[in-house]
C-alpha atoms as a PDB file:
ATOM      1  CA  MET A   1     -26.203  46.121 -96.413  1.00  0.00           C
ATOM      2  CA  SER A   2     -24.870  45.435 -92.955  1.00  0.00           C
ATOM      3  CA  THR A   3     -25.300  41.675 -93.454  1.00  0.00           C
ATOM      4  CA  ALA A   4     -23.193  41.713 -96.622  1.00  0.00           C
ATOM      5  CA  SER A   5     -20.292  43.482 -94.952  1.00  0.00           C
ATOM      6  CA  ALA A   6     -20.368  41.346 -91.800  1.00  0.00           C
ATOM      7  CA  PRO A   7     -18.623  38.247 -93.306  1.00  0.00           C
ATOM      8  CA  SER A   8     -15.833  40.346 -94.783  1.00  0.00           C
ATOM      9  CA  GLU A   9     -15.239  42.036 -91.409  1.00  0.00           C
ATOM     10  CA  ILE A  10     -15.060  38.657 -89.703  1.00  0.00           C
ATOM     11  CA  ALA A  11     -12.586  37.418 -92.348  1.00  0.00           C
ATOM     12  CA  GLN A  12     -10.422  40.494 -91.843  1.00  0.00           C
ATOM     13  CA  VAL A  13     -10.378  40.004 -88.075  1.00  0.00           C
ATOM     14  CA  SER A  14      -9.498  36.299 -88.229  1.00  0.00           C
ATOM     15  CA  LYS A  15      -6.652  36.645 -90.769  1.00  0.00           C
ATOM     16  CA  PRO A  16      -4.365  38.754 -88.547  1.00  0.00           C
ATOM     17  CA  ALA A  17      -5.047  36.401 -85.640  1.00  0.00           C
ATOM     18  CA  LYS A  18      -3.741  33.497 -87.726  1.00  0.00           C
ATOM     19  CA  LYS A  19      -0.691  35.495 -88.756  1.00  0.00           C
ATOM     20  CA  ARG A  20       0.113  36.379 -85.167  1.00  0.00           C
ATOM     21  CA  ARG A  21      -0.307  32.777 -83.983  1.00  0.00           C
ATOM     22  CA  TRP A  22       2.867  31.472 -85.673  1.00  0.00           C
ATOM     23  CA  LYS A  23       5.142  34.200 -84.280  1.00  0.00           C
ATOM     24  CA  PRO A  24       5.060  33.028 -80.631  1.00  0.00           C
ATOM     25  CA  ILE A  25       5.552  29.427 -81.744  1.00  0.00           C
ATOM     26  CA  LEU A  26       8.513  30.433 -83.898  1.00  0.00           C
ATOM     27  CA  LEU A  27      10.050  32.519 -81.112  1.00  0.00           C
ATOM     28  CA  LYS A  28       9.677  29.683 -78.582  1.00  0.00           C
ATOM     29  CA  THR A  29      11.180  27.214 -81.040  1.00  0.00           C
ATOM     30  CA  LEU A  30      14.124  29.503 -81.756  1.00  0.00           C
ATOM     31  CA  ALA A  31      14.631  30.075 -78.017  1.00  0.00           C
ATOM     32  CA  VAL A  32      14.716  26.310 -77.366  1.00  0.00           C
ATOM     33  CA  ILE A  33      17.146  25.759 -80.257  1.00  0.00           C
ATOM     34  CA  PHE A  34      19.376  28.575 -78.969  1.00  0.00           C
ATOM     35  CA  ILE A  35      19.390  27.131 -75.431  1.00  0.00           C
ATOM     36  CA  LEU A  36      20.280  23.680 -76.795  1.00  0.00           C
ATOM     37  CA  TRP A  37      23.054  25.238 -78.900  1.00  0.00           C
ATOM     38  CA  LEU A  38      24.437  27.058 -75.850  1.00  0.00           C
ATOM     39  CA  GLY A  39      24.430  23.776 -73.926  1.00  0.00           C
ATOM     40  CA  PHE A  40      26.221  22.021 -76.799  1.00  0.00           C
ATOM     41  CA  VAL A  41      28.865  24.759 -77.089  1.00  0.00           C
ATOM     42  CA  GLY A  42      29.244  24.792 -73.302  1.00  0.00           C
ATOM     43  CA  MET A  43      29.863  21.046 -73.257  1.00  0.00           C
ATOM     44  CA  ILE A  44      32.467  21.365 -76.022  1.00  0.00           C
ATOM     45  CA  TRP A  45      34.141  24.251 -74.141  1.00  0.00           C
ATOM     46  CA  TRP A  46      34.198  22.205 -70.941  1.00  0.00           C
ATOM     47  CA  SER A  47      35.727  19.214 -72.733  1.00  0.00           C
ATOM     48  CA  MET A  48      38.368  21.410 -74.398  1.00  0.00           C
ATOM     49  CA  ASN A  49      39.558  22.513 -70.975  1.00  0.00           C
ATOM     50  CA  GLN A  50      39.941  18.913 -69.734  1.00  0.00           C
ATOM     51  CA  ALA A  51      42.866  16.552 -70.197  1.00  0.00           C
ATOM     52  CA  PRO A  52      43.502  15.586 -73.835  1.00  0.00           C
ATOM     53  CA  GLU A  53      42.294  12.041 -73.181  1.00  0.00           C
ATOM     54  CA  ARG A  54      38.918  13.221 -71.899  1.00  0.00           C
ATOM     55  CA  PHE A  55      38.565  15.680 -74.791  1.00  0.00           C
ATOM     56  CA  ALA A  56      39.310  12.851 -77.228  1.00  0.00           C
ATOM     57  CA  THR A  57      36.671  10.676 -75.556  1.00  0.00           C
ATOM     58  CA  VAL A  58      34.028  13.397 -75.870  1.00  0.00           C
ATOM     59  CA  MET A  59      34.950  14.091 -79.484  1.00  0.00           C
ATOM     60  CA  SER A  60      34.784  10.389 -80.355  1.00  0.00           C
ATOM     61  CA  TYR A  61      31.020  10.518 -79.717  1.00  0.00           C
ATOM     62  CA  MET A  62      30.463  13.479 -82.050  1.00  0.00           C
ATOM     63  CA  PRO A  63      28.876  12.578 -85.383  1.00  0.00           C
ATOM     64  CA  GLY A  64      31.049  13.709 -88.279  1.00  0.00           C
ATOM     65  CA  PRO A  65      31.860  17.387 -88.671  1.00  0.00           C
ATOM     66  CA  VAL A  66      28.940  18.530 -86.493  1.00  0.00           C
ATOM     67  CA  VAL A  67      31.168  20.324 -84.000  1.00  0.00           C
ATOM     68  CA  PHE A  68      33.019  22.208 -86.705  1.00  0.00           C
ATOM     69  CA  LEU A  69      29.792  23.320 -88.379  1.00  0.00           C
ATOM     70  CA  MET A  70      27.744  24.233 -85.305  1.00  0.00           C
ATOM     71  CA  ALA A  71      30.321  25.836 -83.011  1.00  0.00           C
ATOM     72  CA  PRO A  72      33.155  28.335 -83.414  1.00  0.00           C
ATOM     73  CA  PHE A  73      35.533  25.430 -82.872  1.00  0.00           C
ATOM     74  CA  GLU A  74      38.846  27.014 -83.898  1.00  0.00           C
ATOM     75  CA  THR A  75      38.319  30.143 -81.799  1.00  0.00           C
ATOM     76  CA  MET A  76      37.277  28.081 -78.789  1.00  0.00           C
ATOM     77  CA  TRP A  77      40.236  25.721 -79.229  1.00  0.00           C
ATOM     78  CA  MET A  78      42.768  28.553 -79.468  1.00  0.00           C
ATOM     79  CA  ARG A  79      41.418  30.148 -76.279  1.00  0.00           C
ATOM     80  CA  ALA A  80      41.076  26.887 -74.343  1.00  0.00           C
ATOM     81  CA  ARG A  81      44.624  25.735 -75.141  1.00  0.00           C
ATOM     82  CA  ALA A  82      46.341  29.128 -75.143  1.00  0.00           C
ATOM     83  CA  GLY A  83      48.233  28.480 -71.927  1.00  0.00           C
ATOM     84  CA  THR A  84      49.937  31.072 -69.785  1.00  0.00           C
ATOM     85  CA  LEU A  85      53.376  31.313 -71.380  1.00  0.00           C
ATOM     86  CA  HIS A  86      54.570  34.683 -72.601  1.00  0.00           C
ATOM     87  CA  PRO A  87      57.615  35.587 -74.693  1.00  0.00           C
ATOM     88  CA  GLY A  88      60.716  35.360 -72.523  1.00  0.00           C
ATOM     89  CA  ALA A  89      59.088  33.108 -69.898  1.00  0.00           C
ATOM     90  CA  ALA A  90      60.699  29.793 -68.945  1.00  0.00           C
ATOM     91  CA  ALA A  91      59.187  26.690 -70.512  1.00  0.00           C
ATOM     92  CA  PRO A  92      57.476  24.258 -68.147  1.00  0.00           C
ATOM     93  CA  ASP A  93      59.414  21.136 -67.252  1.00  0.00           C
ATOM     94  CA  PHE A  94      58.489  17.908 -69.024  1.00  0.00           C
ATOM     95  CA  ASN A  95      59.727  14.320 -69.361  1.00  0.00           C
ATOM     96  CA  LEU A  96      59.937  12.584 -72.714  1.00  0.00           C
ATOM     97  CA  GLN A  97      60.932   9.093 -73.663  1.00  0.00           C
ATOM     98  CA  THR A  98      63.909   8.780 -76.017  1.00  0.00           C
ATOM     99  CA  LEU A  99      63.435   7.402 -79.514  1.00  0.00           C
ATOM    100  CA  ASP A 100      64.997   4.073 -78.614  1.00  0.00           C
ATOM    101  CA  LYS A 101      62.672   3.900 -75.550  1.00  0.00           C
ATOM    102  CA  THR A 102      65.504   3.071 -73.170  1.00  0.00           C
ATOM    103  CA  SER A 103      65.357   6.179 -70.991  1.00  0.00           C
ATOM    104  CA  TYR A 104      63.599   9.476 -70.306  1.00  0.00           C
ATOM    105  CA  VAL A 105      64.879  13.010 -70.784  1.00  0.00           C
ATOM    106  CA  SER A 106      63.600  15.985 -68.790  1.00  0.00           C
ATOM    107  CA  LEU A 107      63.886  19.614 -69.764  1.00  0.00           C
ATOM    108  CA  SER A 108      65.262  20.550 -66.344  1.00  0.00           C
ATOM    109  CA  SER A 109      68.178  18.080 -66.684  1.00  0.00           C
ATOM    110  CA  LEU A 110      69.047  19.441 -70.125  1.00  0.00           C
ATOM    111  CA  ASN A 111      68.681  23.029 -68.950  1.00  0.00           C
ATOM    112  CA  ALA A 112      71.116  22.382 -66.069  1.00  0.00           C
ATOM    113  CA  LYS A 113      73.861  21.649 -68.636  1.00  0.00           C
ATOM    114  CA  GLY A 114      73.251  24.842 -70.615  1.00  0.00           C
ATOM    115  CA  PRO A 115      70.740  26.596 -72.883  1.00  0.00           C
ATOM    116  CA  VAL A 116      68.235  24.326 -74.659  1.00  0.00           C
ATOM    117  CA  VAL A 117      66.792  24.876 -78.121  1.00  0.00           C
ATOM    118  CA  LEU A 118      63.696  22.894 -79.000  1.00  0.00           C
ATOM    119  CA  VAL A 119      63.024  22.438 -82.708  1.00  0.00           C
ATOM    120  CA  PHE A 120      59.678  21.069 -83.814  1.00  0.00           C
ATOM    121  CA  GLY A 121      59.324  20.297 -87.466  1.00  0.00           C
ATOM    122  CA  SER A 122      60.218  18.087 -90.332  1.00  0.00           C
ATOM    123  CA  TYR A 123      63.274  18.348 -92.538  1.00  0.00           C
ATOM    124  CA  THR A 124      62.135  16.584 -95.689  1.00  0.00           C
END
């Protein structure tokens, strides 16, 4: 009677060992994927805080919509490009070329003549 029950006891002992074997592998795999994801998101965050030209260069190497699907892109973008202006604060000075490309206009020169209203939009 003890010989008949011995194989079933061995089978019961080996089954849980097989079940437990995949859990550490799965956890290690998920940990590696998470670390790679953090590195990817960190690289995107770094590039968002660089000059627009450098950000464009980094994004040109991204395959398709990968960044938008794998990272909280919009939230990161809004925080990276938020700036430090607050309501009522003076706008930073800038130089822009005129439409006919004959000269440049700076905000400080316009502001010296009086209040300046900047309108961005399309009137179509």
